[in-house]
PDB file of N, CA and C in Angstrom:
ATOM      1  N   MET A   1       0.835  -1.182   0.000  1.00  0.00           N
ATOM      2  CA  MET A   1       0.000   0.000   0.000  1.00  0.00           C
ATOM      3  C   MET A   1       0.880   1.245   0.000  1.00  0.00           C
ATOM      4  N   LYS A   2       0.498   2.212  -0.782  1.00  0.00           N
ATOM      5  CA  LYS A   2       1.238   3.460  -0.861  1.00  0.00           C
ATOM      6  C   LYS A   2       1.099   4.246   0.438  1.00  0.00           C
ATOM      7  N   LYS A   3       2.186   4.829   0.901  1.00  0.00           N
ATOM      8  CA  LYS A   3       2.131   5.670   2.091  1.00  0.00           C
ATOM      9  C   LYS A   3       1.791   7.091   1.680  1.00  0.00           C
ATOM     10  N   TYR A   4       1.000   7.746   2.492  1.00  0.00           N
ATOM     11  CA  TYR A   4       0.569   9.115   2.222  1.00  0.00           C
ATOM     12  C   TYR A   4       1.076  10.032   3.325  1.00  0.00           C
ATOM     13  N   LYS A   5       1.389  11.245   2.955  1.00  0.00           N
ATOM     14  CA  LYS A   5       1.748  12.258   3.935  1.00  0.00           C
ATOM     15  C   LYS A   5       0.472  12.922   4.418  1.00  0.00           C
ATOM     16  N   LEU A   6       0.540  13.536   5.587  1.00  0.00           N
ATOM     17  CA  LEU A   6      -0.597  14.271   6.104  1.00  0.00           C
ATOM     18  C   LEU A   6      -1.025  15.311   5.075  1.00  0.00           C
ATOM     19  N   GLY A   7      -2.286  15.350   4.752  1.00  0.00           N
ATOM     20  CA  GLY A   7      -2.781  16.279   3.743  1.00  0.00           C
ATOM     21  C   GLY A   7      -2.897  15.651   2.360  1.00  0.00           C
ATOM     22  N   GLN A   8      -2.258  14.502   2.144  1.00  0.00           N
ATOM     23  CA  GLN A   8      -2.400  13.766   0.879  1.00  0.00           C
ATOM     24  C   GLN A   8      -3.337  12.601   1.161  1.00  0.00           C
ATOM     25  N   HIS A   9      -4.603  12.839   0.995  1.00  0.00           N
ATOM     26  CA  HIS A   9      -5.586  11.850   1.397  1.00  0.00           C
ATOM     27  C   HIS A   9      -6.185  11.129   0.205  1.00  0.00           C
ATOM     28  N   TYR A  10      -6.749  10.005   0.488  1.00  0.00           N
ATOM     29  CA  TYR A  10      -7.354   9.095  -0.474  1.00  0.00           C
ATOM     30  C   TYR A  10      -8.290   9.802  -1.447  1.00  0.00           C
ATOM     31  N   HIS A  11      -9.161  10.671  -0.955  1.00  0.00           N
ATOM     32  CA  HIS A  11     -10.147  11.279  -1.847  1.00  0.00           C
ATOM     33  C   HIS A  11      -9.525  12.229  -2.855  1.00  0.00           C
ATOM     34  N   HIS A  12      -8.351  12.765  -2.563  1.00  0.00           N
ATOM     35  CA  HIS A  12      -7.695  13.645  -3.524  1.00  0.00           C
ATOM     36  C   HIS A  12      -7.133  12.854  -4.710  1.00  0.00           C
ATOM     37  N   GLN A  13      -6.848  11.582  -4.499  1.00  0.00           N
ATOM     38  CA  GLN A  13      -6.201  10.795  -5.535  1.00  0.00           C
ATOM     39  C   GLN A  13      -7.160   9.835  -6.228  1.00  0.00           C
ATOM     40  N   ASP A  14      -8.356   9.661  -5.685  1.00  0.00           N
ATOM     41  CA  ASP A  14      -9.329   8.741  -6.269  1.00  0.00           C
ATOM     42  C   ASP A  14     -10.610   9.522  -6.527  1.00  0.00           C
ATOM     43  N   ALA A  15     -10.851   9.890  -7.780  1.00  0.00           N
ATOM     44  CA  ALA A  15     -11.999  10.722  -8.132  1.00  0.00           C
ATOM     45  C   ALA A  15     -13.323  10.039  -7.816  1.00  0.00           C
ATOM     46  N   ASP A  16     -13.329   8.724  -7.711  1.00  0.00           N
ATOM     47  CA  ASP A  16     -14.549   7.980  -7.442  1.00  0.00           C
ATOM     48  C   ASP A  16     -14.585   7.515  -5.988  1.00  0.00           C
ATOM     49  N   TRP A  17     -14.156   8.377  -5.067  1.00  0.00           N
ATOM     50  CA  TRP A  17     -14.029   7.975  -3.668  1.00  0.00           C
ATOM     51  C   TRP A  17     -15.353   7.629  -3.022  1.00  0.00           C
ATOM     52  N   LEU A  18     -16.483   8.152  -3.517  1.00  0.00           N
ATOM     53  CA  LEU A  18     -17.764   7.865  -2.886  1.00  0.00           C
ATOM     54  C   LEU A  18     -18.147   6.391  -3.030  1.00  0.00           C
ATOM     55  N   LYS A  19     -17.708   5.752  -4.117  1.00  0.00           N
ATOM     56  CA  LYS A  19     -18.000   4.324  -4.282  1.00  0.00           C
ATOM     57  C   LYS A  19     -17.143   3.461  -3.362  1.00  0.00           C
ATOM     58  N   HIS A  20     -15.951   3.909  -3.046  1.00  0.00           N
ATOM     59  CA  HIS A  20     -15.035   3.172  -2.169  1.00  0.00           C
ATOM     60  C   HIS A  20     -14.413   4.167  -1.191  1.00  0.00           C
ATOM     61  N   PRO A  21     -15.206   4.688  -0.237  1.00  0.00           N
ATOM     62  CA  PRO A  21     -14.725   5.789   0.587  1.00  0.00           C
ATOM     63  C   PRO A  21     -13.694   5.420   1.642  1.00  0.00           C
ATOM     64  N   PHE A  22     -13.628   4.160   2.043  1.00  0.00           N
ATOM     65  CA  PHE A  22     -12.719   3.765   3.110  1.00  0.00           C
ATOM     66  C   PHE A  22     -12.003   2.474   2.732  1.00  0.00           C
ATOM     67  N   PRO A  23     -10.744   2.334   3.142  1.00  0.00           N
ATOM     68  CA  PRO A  23     -10.026   1.088   2.866  1.00  0.00           C
ATOM     69  C   PRO A  23     -10.723  -0.129   3.481  1.00  0.00           C
ATOM     70  N   THR A  24     -11.291   0.035   4.679  1.00  0.00           N
ATOM     71  CA  THR A  24     -12.071  -1.030   5.309  1.00  0.00           C
ATOM     72  C   THR A  24     -13.401  -0.431   5.745  1.00  0.00           C
ATOM     73  N   MET A  25     -14.470  -1.170   5.538  1.00  0.00           N
ATOM     74  CA  MET A  25     -15.805  -0.664   5.864  1.00  0.00           C
ATOM     75  C   MET A  25     -16.291  -1.234   7.192  1.00  0.00           C
ATOM     76  N   THR A  26     -16.798  -0.362   8.042  1.00  0.00           N
ATOM     77  CA  THR A  26     -17.457  -0.742   9.287  1.00  0.00           C
ATOM     78  C   THR A  26     -18.920  -0.314   9.157  1.00  0.00           C
ATOM     79  N   PRO A  27     -19.795  -0.773  10.041  1.00  0.00           N
ATOM     80  CA  PRO A  27     -21.190  -0.321   9.960  1.00  0.00           C
ATOM     81  C   PRO A  27     -21.330   1.207  10.022  1.00  0.00           C
ATOM     82  N   LYS A  28     -20.543   1.862  10.855  1.00  0.00           N
ATOM     83  CA  LYS A  28     -20.593   3.336  10.938  1.00  0.00           C
ATOM     84  C   LYS A  28     -20.162   3.965   9.616  1.00  0.00           C
ATOM     85  N   LYS A  29     -19.123   3.441   9.017  1.00  0.00           N
ATOM     86  CA  LYS A  29     -18.639   3.989   7.747  1.00  0.00           C
ATOM     87  C   LYS A  29     -19.642   3.721   6.624  1.00  0.00           C
ATOM     88  N   GLN A  30     -20.316   2.564   6.676  1.00  0.00           N
ATOM     89  CA  GLN A  30     -21.362   2.287   5.693  1.00  0.00           C
ATOM     90  C   GLN A  30     -22.510   3.274   5.850  1.00  0.00           C
ATOM     91  N   GLN A  31     -22.854   3.587   7.100  1.00  0.00           N
ATOM     92  CA  GLN A  31     -23.908   4.567   7.351  1.00  0.00           C
ATOM     93  C   GLN A  31     -23.495   5.936   6.809  1.00  0.00           C
ATOM     94  N   TRP A  32     -22.252   6.325   7.056  1.00  0.00           N
ATOM     95  CA  TRP A  32     -21.748   7.600   6.541  1.00  0.00           C
ATOM     96  C   TRP A  32     -21.895   7.634   5.020  1.00  0.00           C
ATOM     97  N   GLN A  33     -21.485   6.556   4.362  1.00  0.00           N
ATOM     98  CA  GLN A  33     -21.542   6.494   2.901  1.00  0.00           C
ATOM     99  C   GLN A  33     -22.981   6.636   2.399  1.00  0.00           C
ATOM    100  N   GLN A  34     -23.923   5.965   3.040  1.00  0.00           N
ATOM    101  CA  GLN A  34     -25.321   6.038   2.614  1.00  0.00           C
ATOM    102  C   GLN A  34     -25.873   7.459   2.748  1.00  0.00           C
ATOM    103  N   VAL A  35     -25.572   8.115   3.861  1.00  0.00           N
ATOM    104  CA  VAL A  35     -26.060   9.483   4.063  1.00  0.00           C
ATOM    105  C   VAL A  35     -25.391  10.428   3.068  1.00  0.00           C
ATOM    106  N   LYS A  36     -24.089  10.257   2.837  1.00  0.00           N
ATOM    107  CA  LYS A  36     -23.369  11.134   1.909  1.00  0.00           C
ATOM    108  C   LYS A  36     -23.889  10.971   0.482  1.00  0.00           C
ATOM    109  N   GLU A  37     -24.238   9.753   0.095  1.00  0.00           N
ATOM    110  CA  GLU A  37     -24.807   9.541  -1.238  1.00  0.00           C
ATOM    111  C   GLU A  37     -26.147  10.261  -1.374  1.00  0.00           C
ATOM    112  N   ALA A  38     -26.936  10.281  -0.298  1.00  0.00           N
ATOM    113  CA  ALA A  38     -28.244  10.936  -0.328  1.00  0.00           C
ATOM    114  C   ALA A  38     -28.135  12.460  -0.249  1.00  0.00           C
ATOM    115  N   TYR A  39     -27.111  12.956   0.438  1.00  0.00           N
ATOM    116  CA  TYR A  39     -26.925  14.399   0.647  1.00  0.00           C
ATOM    117  C   TYR A  39     -25.483  14.790   0.328  1.00  0.00           C
ATOM    118  N   PRO A  40     -25.094  14.735  -0.933  1.00  0.00           N
ATOM    119  CA  PRO A  40     -23.679  14.932  -1.282  1.00  0.00           C
ATOM    120  C   PRO A  40     -23.132  16.330  -1.019  1.00  0.00           C
ATOM    121  N   LYS A  41     -23.981  17.334  -0.929  1.00  0.00           N
ATOM    122  CA  LYS A  41     -23.494  18.705  -0.732  1.00  0.00           C
ATOM    123  C   LYS A  41     -23.502  19.133   0.735  1.00  0.00           C
ATOM    124  N   HIS A  42     -23.972  18.271   1.617  1.00  0.00           N
ATOM    125  CA  HIS A  42     -24.030  18.596   3.038  1.00  0.00           C
ATOM    126  C   HIS A  42     -22.724  18.214   3.739  1.00  0.00           C
ATOM    127  N   VAL A  43     -22.462  18.875   4.848  1.00  0.00           N
ATOM    128  CA  VAL A  43     -21.340  18.511   5.712  1.00  0.00           C
ATOM    129  C   VAL A  43     -21.884  17.515   6.728  1.00  0.00           C
ATOM    130  N   LEU A  44     -21.322  16.317   6.747  1.00  0.00           N
ATOM    131  CA  LEU A  44     -21.763  15.282   7.677  1.00  0.00           C
ATOM    132  C   LEU A  44     -20.856  15.260   8.889  1.00  0.00           C
ATOM    133  N   LEU A  45     -21.472  15.266  10.066  1.00  0.00           N
ATOM    134  CA  LEU A  45     -20.747  15.143  11.324  1.00  0.00           C
ATOM    135  C   LEU A  45     -21.241  13.878  11.999  1.00  0.00           C
ATOM    136  N   MET A  46     -20.374  12.885  12.140  1.00  0.00           N
ATOM    137  CA  MET A  46     -20.756  11.605  12.715  1.00  0.00           C
ATOM    138  C   MET A  46     -20.287  11.516  14.156  1.00  0.00           C
ATOM    139  N   LYS A  47     -21.234  11.239  15.063  1.00  0.00           N
ATOM    140  CA  LYS A  47     -20.881  11.102  16.471  1.00  0.00           C
ATOM    141  C   LYS A  47     -20.254   9.730  16.693  1.00  0.00           C
ATOM    142  N   ILE A  48     -19.039   9.752  17.194  1.00  0.00           N
ATOM    143  CA  ILE A  48     -18.322   8.519  17.527  1.00  0.00           C
ATOM    144  C   ILE A  48     -17.782   8.719  18.937  1.00  0.00           C
ATOM    145  N   GLY A  49     -18.390   8.032  19.894  1.00  0.00           N
ATOM    146  CA  GLY A  49     -18.017   8.244  21.293  1.00  0.00           C
ATOM    147  C   GLY A  49     -18.413   9.647  21.723  1.00  0.00           C
ATOM    148  N   LYS A  50     -17.456  10.377  22.244  1.00  0.00           N
ATOM    149  CA  LYS A  50     -17.718  11.747  22.704  1.00  0.00           C
ATOM    150  C   LYS A  50     -17.210  12.789  21.714  1.00  0.00           C
ATOM    151  N   PHE A  51     -17.051  12.376  20.463  1.00  0.00           N
ATOM    152  CA  PHE A  51     -16.549  13.271  19.421  1.00  0.00           C
ATOM    153  C   PHE A  51     -17.486  13.270  18.223  1.00  0.00           C
ATOM    154  N   TYR A  52     -17.415  14.338  17.460  1.00  0.00           N
ATOM    155  CA  TYR A  52     -18.028  14.382  16.143  1.00  0.00           C
ATOM    156  C   TYR A  52     -16.886  14.346  15.146  1.00  0.00           C
ATOM    157  N   GLU A  53     -16.969  13.425  14.200  1.00  0.00           N
ATOM    158  CA  GLU A  53     -15.900  13.251  13.228  1.00  0.00           C
ATOM    159  C   GLU A  53     -16.433  13.468  11.818  1.00  0.00           C
ATOM    160  N   ALA A  54     -15.534  13.904  10.942  1.00  0.00           N
ATOM    161  CA  ALA A  54     -15.880  14.166   9.546  1.00  0.00           C
ATOM    162  C   ALA A  54     -14.834  13.511   8.656  1.00  0.00           C
ATOM    163  N   PHE A  55     -15.271  13.059   7.488  1.00  0.00           N
ATOM    164  CA  PHE A  55     -14.401  12.357   6.557  1.00  0.00           C
ATOM    165  C   PHE A  55     -14.461  13.012   5.179  1.00  0.00           C
ATOM    166  N   HIS A  56     -13.431  12.768   4.389  1.00  0.00           N
ATOM    167  CA  HIS A  56     -13.344  13.201   2.989  1.00  0.00           C
ATOM    168  C   HIS A  56     -13.626  14.692   2.847  1.00  0.00           C
ATOM    169  N   SER A  57     -14.510  15.073   1.930  1.00  0.00           N
ATOM    170  CA  SER A  57     -14.757  16.498   1.672  1.00  0.00           C
ATOM    171  C   SER A  57     -15.323  17.205   2.897  1.00  0.00           C
ATOM    172  N   CYS A  58     -16.032  16.487   3.746  1.00  0.00           N
ATOM    173  CA  CYS A  58     -16.550  17.088   4.986  1.00  0.00           C
ATOM    174  C   CYS A  58     -15.390  17.453   5.914  1.00  0.00           C
ATOM    175  N   ALA A  59     -14.374  16.605   5.961  1.00  0.00           N
ATOM    176  CA  ALA A  59     -13.181  16.907   6.761  1.00  0.00           C
ATOM    177  C   ALA A  59     -12.451  18.114   6.191  1.00  0.00           C
ATOM    178  N   ASP A  60     -12.425  18.224   4.872  1.00  0.00           N
ATOM    179  CA  ASP A  60     -11.793  19.392   4.248  1.00  0.00           C
ATOM    180  C   ASP A  60     -12.473  20.683   4.692  1.00  0.00           C
ATOM    181  N   VAL A  61     -13.803  20.662   4.753  1.00  0.00           N
ATOM    182  CA  VAL A  61     -14.546  21.856   5.177  1.00  0.00           C
ATOM    183  C   VAL A  61     -14.191  22.217   6.616  1.00  0.00           C
ATOM    184  N   LEU A  62     -14.179  21.231   7.514  1.00  0.00           N
ATOM    185  CA  LEU A  62     -13.834  21.517   8.908  1.00  0.00           C
ATOM    186  C   LEU A  62     -12.402  22.020   9.026  1.00  0.00           C
ATOM    187  N   HIS A  63     -11.517  21.452   8.237  1.00  0.00           N
ATOM    188  CA  HIS A  63     -10.116  21.881   8.256  1.00  0.00           C
ATOM    189  C   HIS A  63      -9.995  23.332   7.788  1.00  0.00           C
ATOM    190  N   GLU A  64     -10.673  23.659   6.707  1.00  0.00           N
ATOM    191  CA  GLU A  64     -10.556  24.999   6.120  1.00  0.00           C
ATOM    192  C   GLU A  64     -11.361  26.054   6.876  1.00  0.00           C
ATOM    193  N   GLN A  65     -12.566  25.723   7.300  1.00  0.00           N
ATOM    194  CA  GLN A  65     -13.453  26.719   7.906  1.00  0.00           C
ATOM    195  C   GLN A  65     -13.330  26.819   9.425  1.00  0.00           C
ATOM    196  N   LEU A  66     -12.959  25.721  10.080  1.00  0.00           N
ATOM    197  CA  LEU A  66     -12.877  25.711  11.541  1.00  0.00           C
ATOM    198  C   LEU A  66     -11.454  25.528  12.047  1.00  0.00           C
ATOM    199  N   ASP A  67     -10.510  25.432  11.115  1.00  0.00           N
ATOM    200  CA  ASP A  67      -9.100  25.246  11.459  1.00  0.00           C
ATOM    201  C   ASP A  67      -8.855  23.972  12.266  1.00  0.00           C
ATOM    202  N   ARG A  68      -9.616  22.926  11.952  1.00  0.00           N
ATOM    203  CA  ARG A  68      -9.438  21.636  12.621  1.00  0.00           C
ATOM    204  C   ARG A  68      -8.307  20.875  11.931  1.00  0.00           C
ATOM    205  N   PRO A  69      -7.388  20.317  12.696  1.00  0.00           N
ATOM    206  CA  PRO A  69      -6.275  19.580  12.080  1.00  0.00           C
ATOM    207  C   PRO A  69      -6.739  18.227  11.535  1.00  0.00           C
ATOM    208  N   PHE A  70      -6.110  17.805  10.448  1.00  0.00           N
ATOM    209  CA  PHE A  70      -6.374  16.467   9.927  1.00  0.00           C
ATOM    210  C   PHE A  70      -5.759  15.433  10.858  1.00  0.00           C
ATOM    211  N   MET A  71      -6.436  14.296  10.987  1.00  0.00           N
ATOM    212  CA  MET A  71      -5.874  13.159  11.709  1.00  0.00           C
ATOM    213  C   MET A  71      -5.021  12.369  10.730  1.00  0.00           C
ATOM    214  N   GLU A  72      -4.126  11.592  11.266  1.00  0.00           N
ATOM    215  CA  GLU A  72      -3.231  10.817  10.419  1.00  0.00           C
ATOM    216  C   GLU A  72      -3.992   9.694   9.729  1.00  0.00           C
ATOM    217  N   GLY A  73      -3.635   9.412   8.491  1.00  0.00           N
ATOM    218  CA  GLY A  73      -4.251   8.319   7.751  1.00  0.00           C
ATOM    219  C   GLY A  73      -4.428   8.676   6.292  1.00  0.00           C
ATOM    220  N   ILE A  74      -4.897   7.703   5.510  1.00  0.00           N
ATOM    221  CA  ILE A  74      -5.030   7.948   4.075  1.00  0.00           C
ATOM    222  C   ILE A  74      -6.377   8.550   3.704  1.00  0.00           C
ATOM    223  N   VAL A  75      -7.327   8.570   4.634  1.00  0.00           N
ATOM    224  CA  VAL A  75      -8.629   9.185   4.400  1.00  0.00           C
ATOM    225  C   VAL A  75      -8.654  10.523   5.127  1.00  0.00           C
ATOM    226  N   ALA A  76      -9.060  11.588   4.439  1.00  0.00           N
ATOM    227  CA  ALA A  76      -9.195  12.887   5.100  1.00  0.00           C
ATOM    228  C   ALA A  76     -10.163  12.721   6.268  1.00  0.00           C
ATOM    229  N   HIS A  77      -9.720  13.110   7.469  1.00  0.00           N
ATOM    230  CA  HIS A  77     -10.456  12.796   8.683  1.00  0.00           C
ATOM    231  C   HIS A  77     -10.108  13.840   9.729  1.00  0.00           C
ATOM    232  N   THR A  78     -11.109  14.433  10.336  1.00  0.00           N
ATOM    233  CA  THR A  78     -10.900  15.373  11.434  1.00  0.00           C
ATOM    234  C   THR A  78     -12.132  15.345  12.322  1.00  0.00           C
ATOM    235  N   GLY A  79     -12.087  16.080  13.413  1.00  0.00           N
ATOM    236  CA  GLY A  79     -13.235  16.100  14.304  1.00  0.00           C
ATOM    237  C   GLY A  79     -13.036  17.058  15.458  1.00  0.00           C
ATOM    238  N   PHE A  80     -13.989  16.984  16.397  1.00  0.00           N
ATOM    239  CA  PHE A  80     -13.939  17.848  17.572  1.00  0.00           C
ATOM    240  C   PHE A  80     -14.782  17.220  18.678  1.00  0.00           C
ATOM    241  N   PRO A  81     -14.553  17.628  19.945  1.00  0.00           N
ATOM    242  CA  PRO A  81     -15.341  17.092  21.062  1.00  0.00           C
ATOM    243  C   PRO A  81     -16.815  17.491  20.948  1.00  0.00           C
ATOM    244  N   GLU A  82     -17.690  16.631  21.453  1.00  0.00           N
ATOM    245  CA  GLU A  82     -19.125  16.898  21.367  1.00  0.00           C
ATOM    246  C   GLU A  82     -19.514  18.205  22.052  1.00  0.00           C
ATOM    247  N   THR A  83     -18.739  18.645  23.019  1.00  0.00           N
ATOM    248  CA  THR A  83     -19.036  19.900  23.718  1.00  0.00           C
ATOM    249  C   THR A  83     -18.915  21.113  22.802  1.00  0.00           C
ATOM    250  N   GLN A  84     -18.243  20.962  21.668  1.00  0.00           N
ATOM    251  CA  GLN A  84     -18.057  22.070  20.731  1.00  0.00           C
ATOM    252  C   GLN A  84     -19.050  22.039  19.564  1.00  0.00           C
ATOM    253  N   LEU A  85     -19.965  21.072  19.573  1.00  0.00           N
ATOM    254  CA  LEU A  85     -20.884  20.896  18.444  1.00  0.00           C
ATOM    255  C   LEU A  85     -21.693  22.148  18.147  1.00  0.00           C
ATOM    256  N   SER A  86     -22.330  22.704  19.137  1.00  0.00           N
ATOM    257  CA  SER A  86     -23.216  23.849  18.911  1.00  0.00           C
ATOM    258  C   SER A  86     -22.485  25.007  18.237  1.00  0.00           C
ATOM    259  N   ALA A  87     -21.330  25.357  18.752  1.00  0.00           N
ATOM    260  CA  ALA A  87     -20.560  26.477  18.193  1.00  0.00           C
ATOM    261  C   ALA A  87     -20.088  26.175  16.778  1.00  0.00           C
ATOM    262  N   HIS A  88     -19.543  24.983  16.552  1.00  0.00           N
ATOM    263  CA  HIS A  88     -19.031  24.640  15.222  1.00  0.00           C
ATOM    264  C   HIS A  88     -20.162  24.517  14.201  1.00  0.00           C
ATOM    265  N   ARG A  89     -21.266  23.910  14.615  1.00  0.00           N
ATOM    266  CA  ARG A  89     -22.408  23.787  13.701  1.00  0.00           C
ATOM    267  C   ARG A  89     -22.895  25.178  13.278  1.00  0.00           C
ATOM    268  N   GLN A  90     -23.019  26.086  14.246  1.00  0.00           N
ATOM    269  CA  GLN A  90     -23.495  27.430  13.930  1.00  0.00           C
ATOM    270  C   GLN A  90     -22.524  28.173  13.016  1.00  0.00           C
ATOM    271  N   THR A  91     -21.228  28.014  13.250  1.00  0.00           N
ATOM    272  CA  THR A  91     -20.231  28.650  12.378  1.00  0.00           C
ATOM    273  C   THR A  91     -20.387  28.162  10.944  1.00  0.00           C
ATOM    274  N   LEU A  92     -20.554  26.858  10.771  1.00  0.00           N
ATOM    275  CA  LEU A  92     -20.719  26.306   9.423  1.00  0.00           C
ATOM    276  C   LEU A  92     -21.999  26.819   8.766  1.00  0.00           C
ATOM    277  N   ILE A  93     -23.081  26.859   9.521  1.00  0.00           N
ATOM    278  CA  ILE A  93     -24.349  27.363   8.982  1.00  0.00           C
ATOM    279  C   ILE A  93     -24.205  28.829   8.593  1.00  0.00           C
ATOM    280  N   ASP A  94     -23.559  29.608   9.450  1.00  0.00           N
ATOM    281  CA  ASP A  94     -23.345  31.031   9.154  1.00  0.00           C
ATOM    282  C   ASP A  94     -22.519  31.229   7.887  1.00  0.00           C
ATOM    283  N   LYS A  95     -21.661  30.259   7.566  1.00  0.00           N
ATOM    284  CA  LYS A  95     -20.822  30.347   6.364  1.00  0.00           C
ATOM    285  C   LYS A  95     -21.505  29.736   5.138  1.00  0.00           C
ATOM    286  N   GLY A  96     -22.770  29.328   5.303  1.00  0.00           N
ATOM    287  CA  GLY A  96     -23.543  28.851   4.163  1.00  0.00           C
ATOM    288  C   GLY A  96     -23.581  27.347   3.961  1.00  0.00           C
ATOM    289  N   TYR A  97     -23.062  26.581   4.899  1.00  0.00           N
ATOM    290  CA  TYR A  97     -23.060  25.121   4.767  1.00  0.00           C
ATOM    291  C   TYR A  97     -24.329  24.526   5.370  1.00  0.00           C
ATOM    292  N   LYS A  98     -24.767  23.417   4.794  1.00  0.00           N
ATOM    293  CA  LYS A  98     -25.852  22.629   5.367  1.00  0.00           C
ATOM    294  C   LYS A  98     -25.196  21.486   6.125  1.00  0.00           C
ATOM    295  N   VAL A  99     -25.645  21.269   7.351  1.00  0.00           N
ATOM    296  CA  VAL A  99     -24.987  20.316   8.244  1.00  0.00           C
ATOM    297  C   VAL A  99     -25.957  19.208   8.633  1.00  0.00           C
ATOM    298  N   ILE A 100     -25.473  17.978   8.590  1.00  0.00           N
ATOM    299  CA  ILE A 100     -26.231  16.824   9.071  1.00  0.00           C
ATOM    300  C   ILE A 100     -25.425  16.163  10.178  1.00  0.00           C
ATOM    301  N   GLU A 101     -26.088  15.924  11.299  1.00  0.00           N
ATOM    302  CA  GLU A 101     -25.466  15.186  12.403  1.00  0.00           C
ATOM    303  C   GLU A 101     -25.944  13.741  12.339  1.00  0.00           C
ATOM    304  N   ILE A 102     -25.013  12.820  12.392  1.00  0.00           N
ATOM    305  CA  ILE A 102     -25.341  11.393  12.422  1.00  0.00           C
ATOM    306  C   ILE A 102     -25.003  10.917  13.826  1.00  0.00           C
ATOM    307  N   ARG A 103     -26.032  10.551  14.585  1.00  0.00           N
ATOM    308  CA  ARG A 103     -25.816  10.200  15.996  1.00  0.00           C
ATOM    309  C   ARG A 103     -25.906   8.718  16.280  1.00  0.00           C
ATOM    310  N   LYS A 104     -26.494   7.926  15.401  1.00  0.00           N
ATOM    311  CA  LYS A 104     -26.638   6.490  15.662  1.00  0.00           C
ATOM    312  C   LYS A 104     -25.785   5.705  14.718  1.00  0.00           C
TER     313      LYS A 104
END
């Protein structure tokens, strides 16, 4: 497998990333994919434990608009603690983004 540097993520190199969004699929990742296919222009925030996480183009938005750092890995991935949800969601809405929270 090719190694990627931080910022060189899977979706930048694979134009068809929505069909194969993750190297390994879990039920949560399958749920993310289904919601993203239905709402491709929305920013998806998936609750995982006590954090909200974003992947691919959604992670890019959080990185660019909220200054959230990318996590290490080949898939663009970032997030924030659940205590920051209200403020971050409002910032994104104020900047013109539509936001979907995935809690289950």
